[in-house]
Amino acid sequence: MIEISFIFGCAIYGIVWFITLFMVLPFGVVTQQESGDVVRGSTESAPSQPRILRKLLITTLLSAVIYTGVYYLLTTGVLANLDLPFLPKLPS
């Protein structure tokens, strides 16, 4: 069982948030070439409508769910009962 301070929790949440952001960014991307509306001076593979605010909201909600699972695993001692050879022995 691990005790998580506020700063440590924020650090874990930040890591989870950025990993989730990089997973969410490619969803629903339509390139300018696919939409047929290429802006002069930009590359054809640039997104036509990035919808960044929507993706940031989805990232925040999804990372909160993932963080809740990580917090549960770390604080309840569930991992201490696993007998895996590559994990260090955690106190119960």
N, C-alpha and C. Protein backbone atom coordinates (compact mmCIF):
# COMPACT_ATOMS: atom_id res chain seq x y z
N MET A 1 0.84 -1.17 0.00
CA MET A 1 0.00 0.00 0.00
C MET A 1 0.90 1.25 0.00
N ILE A 2 0.59 2.16 -0.88
CA ILE A 2 1.38 3.37 -1.04
C ILE A 2 0.52 4.56 -0.65
N GLU A 3 1.11 5.50 0.07
CA GLU A 3 0.41 6.74 0.41
C GLU A 3 0.78 7.79 -0.64
N ILE A 4 -0.22 8.37 -1.27
CA ILE A 4 0.01 9.32 -2.35
C ILE A 4 -0.28 10.73 -1.84
N SER A 5 0.75 11.59 -1.88
CA SER A 5 0.56 12.99 -1.49
C SER A 5 -0.07 13.75 -2.65
N PHE A 6 -0.46 14.99 -2.38
CA PHE A 6 -1.10 15.81 -3.40
C PHE A 6 -0.18 16.05 -4.59
N ILE A 7 1.07 16.38 -4.33
CA ILE A 7 2.03 16.66 -5.40
C ILE A 7 2.31 15.41 -6.22
N PHE A 8 2.49 14.28 -5.54
CA PHE A 8 2.73 13.01 -6.24
C PHE A 8 1.51 12.62 -7.08
N GLY A 9 0.32 12.85 -6.54
CA GLY A 9 -0.91 12.58 -7.29
C GLY A 9 -1.02 13.45 -8.53
N CYS A 10 -0.66 14.74 -8.39
CA CYS A 10 -0.69 15.65 -9.55
C CYS A 10 0.32 15.22 -10.62
N ALA A 11 1.48 14.75 -10.18
CA ALA A 11 2.50 14.30 -11.14
C ALA A 11 2.00 13.06 -11.89
N ILE A 12 1.41 12.13 -11.17
CA ILE A 12 0.87 10.93 -11.82
C ILE A 12 -0.24 11.32 -12.79
N TYR A 13 -1.13 12.22 -12.36
CA TYR A 13 -2.22 12.65 -13.23
C TYR A 13 -1.68 13.35 -14.49
N GLY A 14 -0.65 14.16 -14.33
CA GLY A 14 -0.05 14.83 -15.49
C GLY A 14 0.52 13.84 -16.50
N ILE A 15 1.18 12.82 -16.00
CA ILE A 15 1.73 11.80 -16.90
C ILE A 15 0.61 11.06 -17.61
N VAL A 16 -0.41 10.67 -16.86
CA VAL A 16 -1.56 9.97 -17.46
C VAL A 16 -2.26 10.87 -18.47
N TRP A 17 -2.39 12.17 -18.15
CA TRP A 17 -3.08 13.10 -19.04
C TRP A 17 -2.35 13.23 -20.38
N PHE A 18 -1.02 13.38 -20.35
CA PHE A 18 -0.27 13.53 -21.60
C PHE A 18 -0.27 12.25 -22.42
N ILE A 19 -0.18 11.11 -21.78
CA ILE A 19 -0.25 9.84 -22.53
C ILE A 19 -1.63 9.71 -23.18
N THR A 20 -2.67 10.07 -22.44
CA THR A 20 -4.03 10.00 -22.99
C THR A 20 -4.21 11.01 -24.12
N LEU A 21 -3.61 12.19 -23.99
CA LEU A 21 -3.71 13.19 -25.06
C LEU A 21 -3.14 12.65 -26.37
N PHE A 22 -1.99 12.01 -26.30
CA PHE A 22 -1.38 11.49 -27.52
C PHE A 22 -2.17 10.31 -28.09
N MET A 23 -2.98 9.66 -27.26
CA MET A 23 -3.85 8.60 -27.77
C MET A 23 -5.10 9.19 -28.43
N VAL A 24 -5.59 10.31 -27.91
CA VAL A 24 -6.85 10.90 -28.39
C VAL A 24 -6.65 11.78 -29.62
N LEU A 25 -5.50 12.41 -29.78
CA LEU A 25 -5.29 13.36 -30.87
C LEU A 25 -5.61 12.83 -32.27
N PRO A 26 -5.24 11.60 -32.64
CA PRO A 26 -5.53 11.17 -34.01
C PRO A 26 -6.98 10.80 -34.30
N PHE A 27 -7.84 10.68 -33.29
CA PHE A 27 -9.23 10.26 -33.53
C PHE A 27 -10.00 11.31 -34.32
N GLY A 28 -10.66 10.89 -35.39
CA GLY A 28 -11.53 11.76 -36.16
C GLY A 28 -10.84 12.81 -37.00
N VAL A 29 -9.56 12.63 -37.28
CA VAL A 29 -8.83 13.63 -38.07
C VAL A 29 -9.17 13.44 -39.55
N VAL A 30 -9.57 14.54 -40.17
CA VAL A 30 -9.81 14.57 -41.62
C VAL A 30 -8.81 15.56 -42.19
N THR A 31 -7.97 15.09 -43.10
CA THR A 31 -6.94 15.97 -43.66
C THR A 31 -7.56 16.93 -44.66
N GLN A 32 -6.80 17.97 -44.99
CA GLN A 32 -7.27 18.94 -45.97
C GLN A 32 -7.42 18.29 -47.34
N GLN A 33 -6.57 17.34 -47.63
CA GLN A 33 -6.65 16.65 -48.92
C GLN A 33 -7.94 15.82 -48.99
N GLU A 34 -8.30 15.15 -47.89
CA GLU A 34 -9.51 14.34 -47.88
C GLU A 34 -10.77 15.20 -47.97
N SER A 35 -10.74 16.38 -47.35
CA SER A 35 -11.92 17.24 -47.39
C SER A 35 -11.99 18.06 -48.68
N GLY A 36 -10.88 18.12 -49.41
CA GLY A 36 -10.86 18.86 -50.67
C GLY A 36 -10.69 20.36 -50.50
N ASP A 37 -10.31 20.81 -49.32
CA ASP A 37 -10.16 22.24 -49.05
C ASP A 37 -8.75 22.50 -48.53
N VAL A 38 -7.77 22.52 -49.45
CA VAL A 38 -6.38 22.74 -49.07
C VAL A 38 -6.11 24.23 -49.00
N VAL A 39 -5.68 24.69 -47.82
CA VAL A 39 -5.34 26.10 -47.63
C VAL A 39 -3.97 26.36 -48.23
N ARG A 40 -3.86 27.41 -49.00
CA ARG A 40 -2.60 27.72 -49.65
C ARG A 40 -1.52 27.99 -48.60
N GLY A 41 -0.37 27.39 -48.78
CA GLY A 41 0.75 27.57 -47.87
C GLY A 41 0.83 26.52 -46.77
N SER A 42 -0.15 25.63 -46.71
CA SER A 42 -0.11 24.56 -45.71
C SER A 42 0.02 23.21 -46.42
N THR A 43 0.41 22.23 -45.65
CA THR A 43 0.56 20.90 -46.23
C THR A 43 -0.80 20.22 -46.38
N GLU A 44 -0.91 19.34 -47.34
CA GLU A 44 -2.17 18.66 -47.60
C GLU A 44 -2.57 17.72 -46.46
N SER A 45 -1.59 17.28 -45.67
CA SER A 45 -1.89 16.34 -44.59
C SER A 45 -2.29 17.03 -43.29
N ALA A 46 -2.36 18.37 -43.30
CA ALA A 46 -2.80 19.10 -42.11
C ALA A 46 -4.29 18.87 -41.90
N PRO A 47 -4.73 18.79 -40.64
CA PRO A 47 -6.16 18.59 -40.41
C PRO A 47 -6.98 19.79 -40.86
N SER A 48 -8.15 19.51 -41.42
CA SER A 48 -9.00 20.61 -41.87
C SER A 48 -9.73 21.27 -40.70
N GLN A 49 -10.14 20.49 -39.71
CA GLN A 49 -10.75 21.01 -38.49
C GLN A 49 -10.17 20.24 -37.30
N PRO A 50 -9.17 20.79 -36.61
CA PRO A 50 -8.50 20.05 -35.55
C PRO A 50 -9.37 19.76 -34.33
N ARG A 51 -10.32 20.62 -33.98
CA ARG A 51 -11.20 20.45 -32.81
C ARG A 51 -10.41 20.18 -31.53
N ILE A 52 -9.45 21.04 -31.26
CA ILE A 52 -8.54 20.86 -30.13
C ILE A 52 -9.28 20.92 -28.79
N LEU A 53 -10.18 21.86 -28.60
CA LEU A 53 -10.88 21.99 -27.31
C LEU A 53 -11.69 20.73 -26.99
N ARG A 54 -12.33 20.18 -27.99
CA ARG A 54 -13.10 18.94 -27.79
C ARG A 54 -12.17 17.79 -27.39
N LYS A 55 -11.03 17.70 -28.05
CA LYS A 55 -10.07 16.64 -27.73
C LYS A 55 -9.46 16.83 -26.34
N LEU A 56 -9.25 18.08 -25.92
CA LEU A 56 -8.73 18.33 -24.58
C LEU A 56 -9.76 17.93 -23.52
N LEU A 57 -11.03 18.18 -23.78
CA LEU A 57 -12.08 17.79 -22.85
C LEU A 57 -12.17 16.26 -22.75
N ILE A 58 -12.15 15.59 -23.88
CA ILE A 58 -12.18 14.12 -23.88
C ILE A 58 -10.96 13.57 -23.16
N THR A 59 -9.80 14.17 -23.40
CA THR A 59 -8.57 13.74 -22.73
C THR A 59 -8.68 13.89 -21.22
N THR A 60 -9.22 15.02 -20.77
CA THR A 60 -9.34 15.26 -19.34
C THR A 60 -10.28 14.25 -18.68
N LEU A 61 -11.41 13.98 -19.32
CA LEU A 61 -12.37 13.03 -18.75
C LEU A 61 -11.81 11.60 -18.74
N LEU A 62 -11.21 11.21 -19.84
CA LEU A 62 -10.67 9.85 -19.94
C LEU A 62 -9.48 9.66 -19.00
N SER A 63 -8.63 10.67 -18.87
CA SER A 63 -7.49 10.53 -17.97
C SER A 63 -7.93 10.52 -16.51
N ALA A 64 -9.04 11.18 -16.18
CA ALA A 64 -9.56 11.12 -14.81
C ALA A 64 -10.01 9.71 -14.47
N VAL A 65 -10.64 9.02 -15.43
CA VAL A 65 -11.05 7.63 -15.21
C VAL A 65 -9.82 6.73 -15.05
N ILE A 66 -8.84 6.90 -15.91
CA ILE A 66 -7.62 6.08 -15.83
C ILE A 66 -6.88 6.36 -14.53
N TYR A 67 -6.80 7.64 -14.13
CA TYR A 67 -6.11 8.00 -12.89
C TYR A 67 -6.82 7.38 -11.68
N THR A 68 -8.13 7.34 -11.71
CA THR A 68 -8.87 6.70 -10.61
C THR A 68 -8.48 5.24 -10.48
N GLY A 69 -8.34 4.54 -11.60
CA GLY A 69 -7.90 3.15 -11.56
C GLY A 69 -6.48 3.00 -11.04
N VAL A 70 -5.59 3.86 -11.48
CA VAL A 70 -4.20 3.82 -11.02
C VAL A 70 -4.13 4.12 -9.53
N TYR A 71 -4.89 5.11 -9.08
CA TYR A 71 -4.92 5.48 -7.66
C TYR A 71 -5.42 4.31 -6.82
N TYR A 72 -6.48 3.65 -7.29
CA TYR A 72 -7.02 2.49 -6.58
C TYR A 72 -5.98 1.38 -6.47
N LEU A 73 -5.31 1.07 -7.58
CA LEU A 73 -4.31 0.01 -7.56
C LEU A 73 -3.15 0.30 -6.62
N LEU A 74 -2.74 1.57 -6.56
CA LEU A 74 -1.60 1.93 -5.72
C LEU A 74 -1.95 2.03 -4.25
N THR A 75 -3.14 2.49 -3.92
CA THR A 75 -3.46 2.76 -2.52
C THR A 75 -4.13 1.60 -1.79
N THR A 76 -4.73 0.65 -2.49
CA THR A 76 -5.44 -0.42 -1.80
C THR A 76 -4.56 -1.62 -1.48
N GLY A 77 -3.40 -1.72 -2.07
CA GLY A 77 -2.54 -2.86 -1.81
C GLY A 77 -2.83 -4.07 -2.68
N VAL A 78 -3.61 -3.88 -3.74
CA VAL A 78 -3.92 -4.98 -4.65
C VAL A 78 -2.64 -5.51 -5.29
N LEU A 79 -1.72 -4.62 -5.61
CA LEU A 79 -0.47 -5.04 -6.26
C LEU A 79 0.45 -5.79 -5.30
N ALA A 80 0.28 -5.60 -4.00
CA ALA A 80 1.14 -6.27 -3.02
C ALA A 80 0.86 -7.77 -2.97
N ASN A 81 -0.33 -8.18 -3.37
CA ASN A 81 -0.71 -9.58 -3.32
C ASN A 81 -0.31 -10.35 -4.58
N LEU A 82 0.16 -9.67 -5.60
CA LEU A 82 0.58 -10.35 -6.82
C LEU A 82 1.95 -11.00 -6.62
N ASP A 83 2.11 -12.18 -7.14
CA ASP A 83 3.39 -12.87 -7.02
C ASP A 83 4.06 -12.91 -8.39
N LEU A 84 4.56 -11.77 -8.82
CA LEU A 84 5.25 -11.66 -10.09
C LEU A 84 6.73 -11.49 -9.82
N PRO A 85 7.60 -12.24 -10.53
CA PRO A 85 9.02 -12.21 -10.20
C PRO A 85 9.70 -10.89 -10.47
N PHE A 86 9.20 -10.05 -11.38
CA PHE A 86 9.88 -8.80 -11.71
C PHE A 86 9.41 -7.63 -10.85
N LEU A 87 8.39 -7.81 -10.01
CA LEU A 87 7.92 -6.74 -9.12
C LEU A 87 8.64 -6.82 -7.77
N PRO A 88 9.02 -5.69 -7.20
CA PRO A 88 9.60 -5.73 -5.86
C PRO A 88 8.54 -6.09 -4.83
N LYS A 89 8.94 -6.60 -3.69
CA LYS A 89 7.99 -6.95 -2.63
C LYS A 89 7.49 -5.68 -1.97
N LEU A 90 6.20 -5.45 -2.03
CA LEU A 90 5.59 -4.27 -1.43
C LEU A 90 5.03 -4.65 -0.07
N PRO A 91 5.10 -3.75 0.89
CA PRO A 91 4.52 -4.06 2.21
C PRO A 91 3.01 -4.14 2.12
N SER A 92 2.42 -5.04 2.85
CA SER A 92 0.95 -5.22 2.83
C SER A 92 0.24 -4.19 3.69
